[in-house]
Amino acid sequence: MSSAMTAALRQTVNIGRMQGTAIRRCMTSVRNNNTITKSSSFIPATNANWTRAQHTTAAAAAAAVNTTTTTTMRPHPESSSSSSFLTTPKTAQMEIDHFRSIPWVAKHLSKPHLVITQADSRKPKPGHCDVLFSQTLNSPETISAYITTVDGSEEGLITETLAFLTLGNKLNGWPGVCHGGMVMAMMDDLTGQLFTQNKKLKRMQNLPLMTAYLNTTFVKPVRTPCTIMIRCRITKVEGRKYWSEAAIIVEDQTTGEEVELARCDSLFVMLKSNL
């Protein structure tokens, strides 16, 4: 064998040994990376970089959440003039003054012989009576104010009443729209207030009345927050049966005209005795 061939053979053997050593080192590295250990020195550099990136991403996400949740609530234009009005509980005079500060409502409240009172259902009573409107729906976000008016010069049975309510956005079904069930409940409650006014003046028997039916037509959405007027009147009486109708009205802020949003006709029946 020539010296050149011998040198080539040795070089081939050396290359093989070097390849074998490299393969063993790679296998050892794989085993070390797959071994769970408490020592942080065994974490590969790429894993450490990934961990740092993960922490950076989490911090950025937390900052984004904090930025998103700091939303400024816009005050209701009709109630922002008096911060004290939003305190609870409110006196009847505070609610009346609130409505007098709203121009289109003030026009209705300036009529002669008008008797203005806080709605009777806003006053707490024994046995959890009227708790829905006196407590559950008595807040700045639900119904912040509720008054009723009647013509004090009317003799005999009082057949008509006007009410004014300021509504918040926690009455909503759809965003910015008062729930249809609440629309019905407010008209139903005002009809009851008309009966209460007559009972206080001893113009009808002091016995409970129950709703037999309340047929409602929804004309347009009741947008919140807003102030609404409800007009209610008794249309017919037969014995213990009282028929009535009611409508929810708002002022169109563009035209200044009053617009009907919902109406109902109903039948109330007077019970033969107290509950």
C-alpha atoms as a PDB file:
ATOM      1  CA  MET A   1       0.000   0.000   0.000  1.00  0.00           C
ATOM      2  CA  SER A   2       1.405   3.309  -0.972  1.00  0.00           C
ATOM      3  CA  SER A   3       1.859   6.128   1.501  1.00  0.00           C
ATOM      4  CA  ALA A   4      -0.806   8.204  -0.246  1.00  0.00           C
ATOM      5  CA  MET A   5      -3.429   5.469   0.111  1.00  0.00           C
ATOM      6  CA  THR A   6      -2.512   4.952   3.786  1.00  0.00           C
ATOM      7  CA  ALA A   7      -2.963   8.682   4.490  1.00  0.00           C
ATOM      8  CA  ALA A   8      -6.363   8.713   2.771  1.00  0.00           C
ATOM      9  CA  LEU A   9      -7.553   5.704   4.806  1.00  0.00           C
ATOM     10  CA  ARG A  10      -6.492   7.332   8.075  1.00  0.00           C
ATOM     11  CA  GLN A  11      -8.358  10.519   7.117  1.00  0.00           C
ATOM     12  CA  THR A  12     -11.519   8.496   6.402  1.00  0.00           C
ATOM     13  CA  VAL A  13     -11.316   6.744   9.788  1.00  0.00           C
ATOM     14  CA  ASN A  14     -10.810  10.054  11.566  1.00  0.00           C
ATOM     15  CA  ILE A  15     -13.842  11.567   9.827  1.00  0.00           C
ATOM     16  CA  GLY A  16     -15.935   8.591  10.905  1.00  0.00           C
ATOM     17  CA  ARG A  17     -14.826   8.958  14.483  1.00  0.00           C
ATOM     18  CA  MET A  18     -15.638  12.675  14.437  1.00  0.00           C
ATOM     19  CA  GLN A  19     -19.123  11.950  13.058  1.00  0.00           C
ATOM     20  CA  GLY A  20     -19.748   9.322  15.725  1.00  0.00           C
ATOM     21  CA  THR A  21     -18.708  11.726  18.458  1.00  0.00           C
ATOM     22  CA  ALA A  22     -21.006  14.428  17.074  1.00  0.00           C
ATOM     23  CA  ILE A  23     -23.944  11.991  16.987  1.00  0.00           C
ATOM     24  CA  ARG A  24     -23.360  10.936  20.618  1.00  0.00           C
ATOM     25  CA  ARG A  25     -23.223  14.566  21.713  1.00  0.00           C
ATOM     26  CA  CYS A  26     -26.494  15.305  19.939  1.00  0.00           C
ATOM     27  CA  MET A  27     -28.198  12.339  21.605  1.00  0.00           C
ATOM     28  CA  THR A  28     -26.932  13.485  25.015  1.00  0.00           C
ATOM     29  CA  SER A  29     -28.239  17.006  24.374  1.00  0.00           C
ATOM     30  CA  VAL A  30     -31.683  15.659  23.437  1.00  0.00           C
ATOM     31  CA  ARG A  31     -31.861  13.562  26.606  1.00  0.00           C
ATOM     32  CA  ASN A  32     -30.875  16.570  28.755  1.00  0.00           C
ATOM     33  CA  ASN A  33     -33.496  18.800  27.152  1.00  0.00           C
ATOM     34  CA  ASN A  34     -36.241  16.211  27.719  1.00  0.00           C
ATOM     35  CA  THR A  35     -35.337  15.730  31.387  1.00  0.00           C
ATOM     36  CA  ILE A  36     -37.429  17.676  33.956  1.00  0.00           C
ATOM     37  CA  THR A  37     -35.096  19.304  36.473  1.00  0.00           C
ATOM     38  CA  LYS A  38     -35.332  21.929  39.204  1.00  0.00           C
ATOM     39  CA  SER A  39     -32.182  23.679  38.017  1.00  0.00           C
ATOM     40  CA  SER A  40     -32.774  26.665  35.761  1.00  0.00           C
ATOM     41  CA  SER A  41     -29.352  26.130  34.169  1.00  0.00           C
ATOM     42  CA  PHE A  42     -30.802  23.226  32.148  1.00  0.00           C
ATOM     43  CA  ILE A  43     -33.398  25.456  30.430  1.00  0.00           C
ATOM     44  CA  PRO A  44     -32.246  26.019  26.837  1.00  0.00           C
ATOM     45  CA  ALA A  45     -31.621  29.593  25.779  1.00  0.00           C
ATOM     46  CA  THR A  46     -34.494  29.464  23.324  1.00  0.00           C
ATOM     47  CA  ASN A  47     -36.918  28.386  26.099  1.00  0.00           C
ATOM     48  CA  ALA A  48     -35.711  31.201  28.350  1.00  0.00           C
ATOM     49  CA  ASN A  49     -36.271  33.716  25.592  1.00  0.00           C
ATOM     50  CA  TRP A  50     -39.762  32.287  24.997  1.00  0.00           C
ATOM     51  CA  THR A  51     -40.572  32.586  28.715  1.00  0.00           C
ATOM     52  CA  ARG A  52     -39.473  36.225  28.781  1.00  0.00           C
ATOM     53  CA  ALA A  53     -41.566  36.949  25.695  1.00  0.00           C
ATOM     54  CA  GLN A  54     -44.559  35.257  27.313  1.00  0.00           C
ATOM     55  CA  HIS A  55     -44.263  37.502  30.380  1.00  0.00           C
ATOM     56  CA  THR A  56     -43.944  40.587  28.156  1.00  0.00           C
ATOM     57  CA  THR A  57     -47.086  39.599  26.207  1.00  0.00           C
ATOM     58  CA  ALA A  58     -49.062  39.017  29.442  1.00  0.00           C
ATOM     59  CA  ALA A  59     -48.021  42.416  30.785  1.00  0.00           C
ATOM     60  CA  ALA A  60     -49.068  44.101  27.553  1.00  0.00           C
ATOM     61  CA  ALA A  61     -52.440  42.311  27.645  1.00  0.00           C
ATOM     62  CA  ALA A  62     -53.025  43.403  31.243  1.00  0.00           C
ATOM     63  CA  ALA A  63     -52.222  46.994  30.305  1.00  0.00           C
ATOM     64  CA  ALA A  64     -54.659  46.779  27.400  1.00  0.00           C
ATOM     65  CA  VAL A  65     -57.425  45.477  29.684  1.00  0.00           C
ATOM     66  CA  ASN A  66     -56.834  48.282  32.178  1.00  0.00           C
ATOM     67  CA  THR A  67     -57.012  50.830  29.377  1.00  0.00           C
ATOM     68  CA  THR A  68     -60.229  49.348  27.976  1.00  0.00           C
ATOM     69  CA  THR A  69     -62.122  49.235  31.265  1.00  0.00           C
ATOM     70  CA  THR A  70     -61.554  52.895  32.200  1.00  0.00           C
ATOM     71  CA  THR A  71     -64.675  54.159  30.426  1.00  0.00           C
ATOM     72  CA  THR A  72     -66.142  57.565  31.216  1.00  0.00           C
ATOM     73  CA  MET A  73     -69.921  57.512  31.698  1.00  0.00           C
ATOM     74  CA  ARG A  74     -71.785  60.413  30.105  1.00  0.00           C
ATOM     75  CA  PRO A  75     -74.271  62.062  32.484  1.00  0.00           C
ATOM     76  CA  HIS A  76     -77.918  62.263  31.542  1.00  0.00           C
ATOM     77  CA  PRO A  77     -78.440  65.796  30.175  1.00  0.00           C
ATOM     78  CA  GLU A  78     -81.643  66.346  32.155  1.00  0.00           C
ATOM     79  CA  SER A  79     -80.171  65.353  35.531  1.00  0.00           C
ATOM     80  CA  SER A  80     -76.566  66.562  35.260  1.00  0.00           C
ATOM     81  CA  SER A  81     -77.510  70.043  36.475  1.00  0.00           C
ATOM     82  CA  SER A  82     -78.120  68.822  40.008  1.00  0.00           C
ATOM     83  CA  SER A  83     -75.712  66.277  41.475  1.00  0.00           C
ATOM     84  CA  SER A  84     -77.608  66.320  44.766  1.00  0.00           C
ATOM     85  CA  PHE A  85     -80.655  64.951  42.967  1.00  0.00           C
ATOM     86  CA  LEU A  86     -78.848  61.651  42.385  1.00  0.00           C
ATOM     87  CA  THR A  87     -78.504  61.025  46.121  1.00  0.00           C
ATOM     88  CA  THR A  88     -80.914  58.530  47.638  1.00  0.00           C
ATOM     89  CA  PRO A  89     -83.313  58.534  49.351  1.00  0.00           C
ATOM     90  CA  LYS A  90     -84.878  61.622  47.735  1.00  0.00           C
ATOM     91  CA  THR A  91     -87.676  63.752  49.113  1.00  0.00           C
ATOM     92  CA  ALA A  92     -90.876  64.340  47.171  1.00  0.00           C
ATOM     93  CA  GLN A  93     -89.919  67.989  46.717  1.00  0.00           C
ATOM     94  CA  MET A  94     -86.565  67.035  45.201  1.00  0.00           C
ATOM     95  CA  GLU A  95     -88.332  64.942  42.581  1.00  0.00           C
ATOM     96  CA  ILE A  96     -90.822  67.725  41.813  1.00  0.00           C
ATOM     97  CA  ASP A  97     -88.010  70.299  41.509  1.00  0.00           C
ATOM     98  CA  HIS A  98     -86.160  67.927  39.171  1.00  0.00           C
ATOM     99  CA  PHE A  99     -89.082  67.852  36.753  1.00  0.00           C
ATOM    100  CA  ARG A 100     -89.639  71.603  36.987  1.00  0.00           C
ATOM    101  CA  SER A 101     -86.079  72.009  35.662  1.00  0.00           C
ATOM    102  CA  ILE A 102     -87.002  70.198  32.407  1.00  0.00           C
ATOM    103  CA  PRO A 103     -88.621  72.788  30.081  1.00  0.00           C
ATOM    104  CA  TRP A 104     -91.151  70.591  28.254  1.00  0.00           C
ATOM    105  CA  VAL A 105     -92.277  69.026  31.548  1.00  0.00           C
ATOM    106  CA  ALA A 106     -92.428  72.410  33.317  1.00  0.00           C
ATOM    107  CA  LYS A 107     -95.076  73.549  30.827  1.00  0.00           C
ATOM    108  CA  HIS A 108     -97.386  70.754  31.987  1.00  0.00           C
ATOM    109  CA  LEU A 109     -96.654  71.444  35.653  1.00  0.00           C
ATOM    110  CA  SER A 110     -97.618  75.126  35.366  1.00  0.00           C
ATOM    111  CA  LYS A 111    -101.307  74.483  34.666  1.00  0.00           C
ATOM    112  CA  PRO A 112    -103.777  75.902  37.236  1.00  0.00           C
ATOM    113  CA  HIS A 113    -105.487  73.759  39.894  1.00  0.00           C
ATOM    114  CA  LEU A 114    -102.843  71.038  39.445  1.00  0.00           C
ATOM    115  CA  VAL A 115    -102.108  68.779  42.409  1.00  0.00           C
ATOM    116  CA  ILE A 116     -98.524  67.437  42.125  1.00  0.00           C
ATOM    117  CA  THR A 117     -97.328  64.609  44.348  1.00  0.00           C
ATOM    118  CA  GLN A 118     -94.647  61.972  44.441  1.00  0.00           C
ATOM    119  CA  ALA A 119     -96.123  58.718  43.119  1.00  0.00           C
ATOM    120  CA  ASP A 120     -97.725  56.780  45.967  1.00  0.00           C
ATOM    121  CA  SER A 121     -96.005  53.570  44.791  1.00  0.00           C
ATOM    122  CA  ARG A 122     -92.636  55.227  45.578  1.00  0.00           C
ATOM    123  CA  LYS A 123     -93.447  55.255  49.290  1.00  0.00           C
ATOM    124  CA  PRO A 124     -92.461  52.161  51.311  1.00  0.00           C
ATOM    125  CA  LYS A 125     -95.374  50.388  52.986  1.00  0.00           C
ATOM    126  CA  PRO A 126     -95.776  47.527  55.461  1.00  0.00           C
ATOM    127  CA  GLY A 127     -95.766  43.954  54.203  1.00  0.00           C
ATOM    128  CA  HIS A 128     -93.519  44.673  51.183  1.00  0.00           C
ATOM    129  CA  CYS A 129     -96.391  46.424  49.405  1.00  0.00           C
ATOM    130  CA  ASP A 130     -95.250  48.497  46.369  1.00  0.00           C
ATOM    131  CA  VAL A 131     -91.660  47.314  46.893  1.00  0.00           C
ATOM    132  CA  LEU A 132     -91.068  47.101  43.128  1.00  0.00           C
ATOM    133  CA  PHE A 133     -91.331  50.865  42.520  1.00  0.00           C
ATOM    134  CA  SER A 134     -90.390  52.078  46.008  1.00  0.00           C
ATOM    135  CA  GLN A 135     -87.161  50.073  46.283  1.00  0.00           C
ATOM    136  CA  THR A 136     -86.215  47.789  43.374  1.00  0.00           C
ATOM    137  CA  LEU A 137     -86.770  50.473  40.715  1.00  0.00           C
ATOM    138  CA  ASN A 138     -85.808  53.452  42.864  1.00  0.00           C
ATOM    139  CA  SER A 139     -82.262  54.360  41.822  1.00  0.00           C
ATOM    140  CA  PRO A 140     -80.441  56.737  39.449  1.00  0.00           C
ATOM    141  CA  GLU A 141     -79.937  53.868  36.958  1.00  0.00           C
ATOM    142  CA  THR A 142     -83.584  52.689  36.971  1.00  0.00           C
ATOM    143  CA  ILE A 143     -86.348  55.205  37.792  1.00  0.00           C
ATOM    144  CA  SER A 144     -84.699  58.167  39.500  1.00  0.00           C
ATOM    145  CA  ALA A 145     -87.885  60.269  39.822  1.00  0.00           C
ATOM    146  CA  TYR A 146     -91.631  59.641  39.527  1.00  0.00           C
ATOM    147  CA  ILE A 147     -94.431  62.151  40.170  1.00  0.00           C
ATOM    148  CA  THR A 148     -98.157  62.196  39.404  1.00  0.00           C
ATOM    149  CA  THR A 149    -100.531  65.084  38.770  1.00  0.00           C
ATOM    150  CA  VAL A 150    -104.321  65.473  38.830  1.00  0.00           C
ATOM    151  CA  ASP A 151    -106.697  68.351  38.256  1.00  0.00           C
ATOM    152  CA  GLY A 152    -107.696  69.491  41.727  1.00  0.00           C
ATOM    153  CA  SER A 153    -110.799  71.233  40.409  1.00  0.00           C
ATOM    154  CA  GLU A 154    -112.361  68.040  39.059  1.00  0.00           C
ATOM    155  CA  GLU A 155    -115.425  66.948  41.042  1.00  0.00           C
ATOM    156  CA  GLY A 156    -116.567  63.399  41.558  1.00  0.00           C
ATOM    157  CA  LEU A 157    -114.463  60.555  40.216  1.00  0.00           C
ATOM    158  CA  ILE A 158    -111.041  61.759  39.006  1.00  0.00           C
ATOM    159  CA  THR A 159    -110.814  60.278  35.533  1.00  0.00           C
ATOM    160  CA  GLU A 160    -107.404  61.485  34.304  1.00  0.00           C
ATOM    161  CA  THR A 161    -103.833  61.770  35.563  1.00  0.00           C
ATOM    162  CA  LEU A 162    -100.446  62.703  34.143  1.00  0.00           C
ATOM    163  CA  ALA A 163     -97.204  61.228  35.427  1.00  0.00           C
ATOM    164  CA  PHE A 164     -93.562  62.031  34.732  1.00  0.00           C
ATOM    165  CA  LEU A 165     -90.712  59.559  35.139  1.00  0.00           C
ATOM    166  CA  THR A 166     -86.971  59.827  34.534  1.00  0.00           C
ATOM    167  CA  LEU A 167     -85.572  56.507  33.321  1.00  0.00           C
ATOM    168  CA  GLY A 168     -82.015  55.157  33.454  1.00  0.00           C
ATOM    169  CA  ASN A 169     -80.285  52.526  31.349  1.00  0.00           C
ATOM    170  CA  LYS A 170     -80.686  49.654  33.823  1.00  0.00           C
ATOM    171  CA  LEU A 171     -84.245  49.237  32.558  1.00  0.00           C
ATOM    172  CA  ASN A 172     -82.911  48.191  29.153  1.00  0.00           C
ATOM    173  CA  GLY A 173     -83.633  45.088  27.130  1.00  0.00           C
ATOM    174  CA  TRP A 174     -81.868  46.004  23.884  1.00  0.00           C
ATOM    175  CA  PRO A 175     -78.977  48.490  24.259  1.00  0.00           C
ATOM    176  CA  GLY A 176     -80.396  51.957  24.823  1.00  0.00           C
ATOM    177  CA  VAL A 177     -83.997  50.720  24.755  1.00  0.00           C
ATOM    178  CA  CYS A 178     -86.284  50.243  27.759  1.00  0.00           C
ATOM    179  CA  HIS A 179     -87.534  46.659  28.132  1.00  0.00           C
ATOM    180  CA  GLY A 180     -91.075  46.143  26.810  1.00  0.00           C
ATOM    181  CA  GLY A 181     -92.148  44.545  30.074  1.00  0.00           C
ATOM    182  CA  MET A 182     -91.087  47.687  31.935  1.00  0.00           C
ATOM    183  CA  VAL A 183     -93.072  49.833  29.489  1.00  0.00           C
ATOM    184  CA  MET A 184     -96.194  47.825  30.352  1.00  0.00           C
ATOM    185  CA  ALA A 185     -95.422  47.851  34.086  1.00  0.00           C
ATOM    186  CA  MET A 186     -95.164  51.655  34.179  1.00  0.00           C
ATOM    187  CA  MET A 187     -98.512  52.151  32.443  1.00  0.00           C
ATOM    188  CA  ASP A 188    -100.081  49.541  34.704  1.00  0.00           C
ATOM    189  CA  ASP A 189     -98.664  51.230  37.808  1.00  0.00           C
ATOM    190  CA  LEU A 190     -99.919  54.675  36.833  1.00  0.00           C
ATOM    191  CA  THR A 191    -103.432  53.322  36.322  1.00  0.00           C
ATOM    192  CA  GLY A 192    -103.218  52.052  39.876  1.00  0.00           C
ATOM    193  CA  GLN A 193    -102.068  55.528  41.000  1.00  0.00           C
ATOM    194  CA  LEU A 194    -105.253  57.013  39.512  1.00  0.00           C
ATOM    195  CA  PHE A 195    -107.338  54.679  41.637  1.00  0.00           C
ATOM    196  CA  THR A 196    -105.226  55.510  44.694  1.00  0.00           C
ATOM    197  CA  GLN A 197    -105.849  59.239  44.216  1.00  0.00           C
ATOM    198  CA  ASN A 198    -109.602  58.625  44.144  1.00  0.00           C
ATOM    199  CA  LYS A 199    -109.456  56.458  47.266  1.00  0.00           C
ATOM    200  CA  LYS A 200    -107.547  59.129  49.195  1.00  0.00           C
ATOM    201  CA  LEU A 201    -110.239  61.665  48.324  1.00  0.00           C
ATOM    202  CA  LYS A 202    -112.941  59.114  49.214  1.00  0.00           C
ATOM    203  CA  ARG A 203    -114.330  59.158  45.684  1.00  0.00           C
ATOM    204  CA  MET A 204    -114.317  55.394  45.365  1.00  0.00           C
ATOM    205  CA  GLN A 205    -114.341  52.436  47.747  1.00  0.00           C
ATOM    206  CA  ASN A 206    -111.098  51.733  49.558  1.00  0.00           C
ATOM    207  CA  LEU A 207    -110.731  48.220  48.140  1.00  0.00           C
ATOM    208  CA  PRO A 208    -107.902  46.710  46.025  1.00  0.00           C
ATOM    209  CA  LEU A 209    -108.190  46.588  42.239  1.00  0.00           C
ATOM    210  CA  MET A 210    -106.458  43.955  40.115  1.00  0.00           C
ATOM    211  CA  THR A 211    -105.495  44.046  36.452  1.00  0.00           C
ATOM    212  CA  ALA A 212    -107.716  41.754  34.375  1.00  0.00           C
ATOM    213  CA  TYR A 213    -105.942  42.579  31.114  1.00  0.00           C
ATOM    214  CA  LEU A 214    -103.536  45.155  29.700  1.00  0.00           C
ATOM    215  CA  ASN A 215    -103.435  45.215  25.888  1.00  0.00           C
ATOM    216  CA  THR A 216    -100.310  47.084  24.783  1.00  0.00           C
ATOM    217  CA  THR A 217     -99.264  48.523  21.434  1.00  0.00           C
ATOM    218  CA  PHE A 218     -95.575  49.387  21.089  1.00  0.00           C
ATOM    219  CA  VAL A 219     -95.365  52.263  18.605  1.00  0.00           C
ATOM    220  CA  LYS A 220     -91.695  53.251  18.915  1.00  0.00           C
ATOM    221  CA  PRO A 221     -88.793  52.257  21.208  1.00  0.00           C
ATOM    222  CA  VAL A 222     -88.538  54.042  24.546  1.00  0.00           C
ATOM    223  CA  ARG A 223     -84.922  55.241  24.379  1.00  0.00           C
ATOM    224  CA  THR A 224     -82.957  55.510  27.624  1.00  0.00           C
ATOM    225  CA  PRO A 225     -81.912  57.523  29.485  1.00  0.00           C
ATOM    226  CA  CYS A 226     -84.896  59.842  29.113  1.00  0.00           C
ATOM    227  CA  THR A 227     -87.822  61.531  30.794  1.00  0.00           C
ATOM    228  CA  ILE A 228     -91.267  60.314  29.796  1.00  0.00           C
ATOM    229  CA  MET A 229     -94.828  61.443  30.371  1.00  0.00           C
ATOM    230  CA  ILE A 230     -97.618  58.914  30.897  1.00  0.00           C
ATOM    231  CA  ARG A 231    -101.208  59.994  30.377  1.00  0.00           C
ATOM    232  CA  CYS A 232    -103.893  57.752  31.865  1.00  0.00           C
ATOM    233  CA  ARG A 233    -107.669  58.093  32.001  1.00  0.00           C
ATOM    234  CA  ILE A 234    -110.667  56.024  33.051  1.00  0.00           C
ATOM    235  CA  THR A 235    -112.958  55.469  30.069  1.00  0.00           C
ATOM    236  CA  LYS A 236    -115.806  53.384  31.513  1.00  0.00           C
ATOM    237  CA  VAL A 237    -117.134  52.072  34.846  1.00  0.00           C
ATOM    238  CA  GLU A 238    -119.581  49.233  35.369  1.00  0.00           C
ATOM    239  CA  GLY A 239    -120.037  48.070  38.944  1.00  0.00           C
ATOM    240  CA  ARG A 240    -116.661  46.742  40.071  1.00  0.00           C
ATOM    241  CA  LYS A 241    -115.139  46.948  36.560  1.00  0.00           C
ATOM    242  CA  TYR A 242    -112.997  49.920  35.491  1.00  0.00           C
ATOM    243  CA  TRP A 243    -111.806  50.309  31.893  1.00  0.00           C
ATOM    244  CA  SER A 244    -108.909  52.657  31.207  1.00  0.00           C
ATOM    245  CA  GLU A 245    -106.314  53.657  28.631  1.00  0.00           C
ATOM    246  CA  ALA A 246    -102.775  55.005  28.939  1.00  0.00           C
ATOM    247  CA  ALA A 247     -99.984  56.246  26.687  1.00  0.00           C
ATOM    248  CA  ILE A 248     -96.258  56.948  27.036  1.00  0.00           C
ATOM    249  CA  ILE A 249     -95.171  60.236  25.459  1.00  0.00           C
ATOM    250  CA  VAL A 250     -91.810  61.970  25.033  1.00  0.00           C
ATOM    251  CA  GLU A 251     -90.634  65.227  23.538  1.00  0.00           C
ATOM    252  CA  ASP A 252     -88.927  64.999  20.147  1.00  0.00           C
ATOM    253  CA  GLN A 253     -85.750  66.985  20.811  1.00  0.00           C
ATOM    254  CA  THR A 254     -85.478  67.911  17.121  1.00  0.00           C
ATOM    255  CA  THR A 255     -88.984  69.234  16.502  1.00  0.00           C
ATOM    256  CA  GLY A 256     -90.131  69.937  20.075  1.00  0.00           C
ATOM    257  CA  GLU A 257     -93.320  67.983  19.421  1.00  0.00           C
ATOM    258  CA  GLU A 258     -94.688  65.326  21.775  1.00  0.00           C
ATOM    259  CA  VAL A 259     -94.510  61.813  20.336  1.00  0.00           C
ATOM    260  CA  GLU A 260     -96.418  58.710  21.460  1.00  0.00           C
ATOM    261  CA  LEU A 261     -94.188  55.671  22.004  1.00  0.00           C
ATOM    262  CA  ALA A 262     -96.615  53.122  23.471  1.00  0.00           C
ATOM    263  CA  ARG A 263    -100.266  52.855  24.494  1.00  0.00           C
ATOM    264  CA  CYS A 264    -102.530  50.380  26.201  1.00  0.00           C
ATOM    265  CA  ASP A 265    -106.155  49.715  27.075  1.00  0.00           C
ATOM    266  CA  SER A 266    -106.914  47.810  30.240  1.00  0.00           C
ATOM    267  CA  LEU A 267    -109.573  46.438  32.539  1.00  0.00           C
ATOM    268  CA  PHE A 268    -109.249  46.559  36.330  1.00  0.00           C
ATOM    269  CA  VAL A 269    -111.627  44.746  38.665  1.00  0.00           C
ATOM    270  CA  MET A 270    -112.264  45.828  42.244  1.00  0.00           C
ATOM    271  CA  LEU A 271    -112.096  42.991  44.744  1.00  0.00           C
ATOM    272  CA  LYS A 272    -115.017  42.341  47.078  1.00  0.00           C
ATOM    273  CA  SER A 273    -112.762  42.538  50.139  1.00  0.00           C
ATOM    274  CA  ASN A 274    -109.209  43.428  51.152  1.00  0.00           C
ATOM    275  CA  LEU A 275    -106.412  40.953  50.507  1.00  0.00           C
END
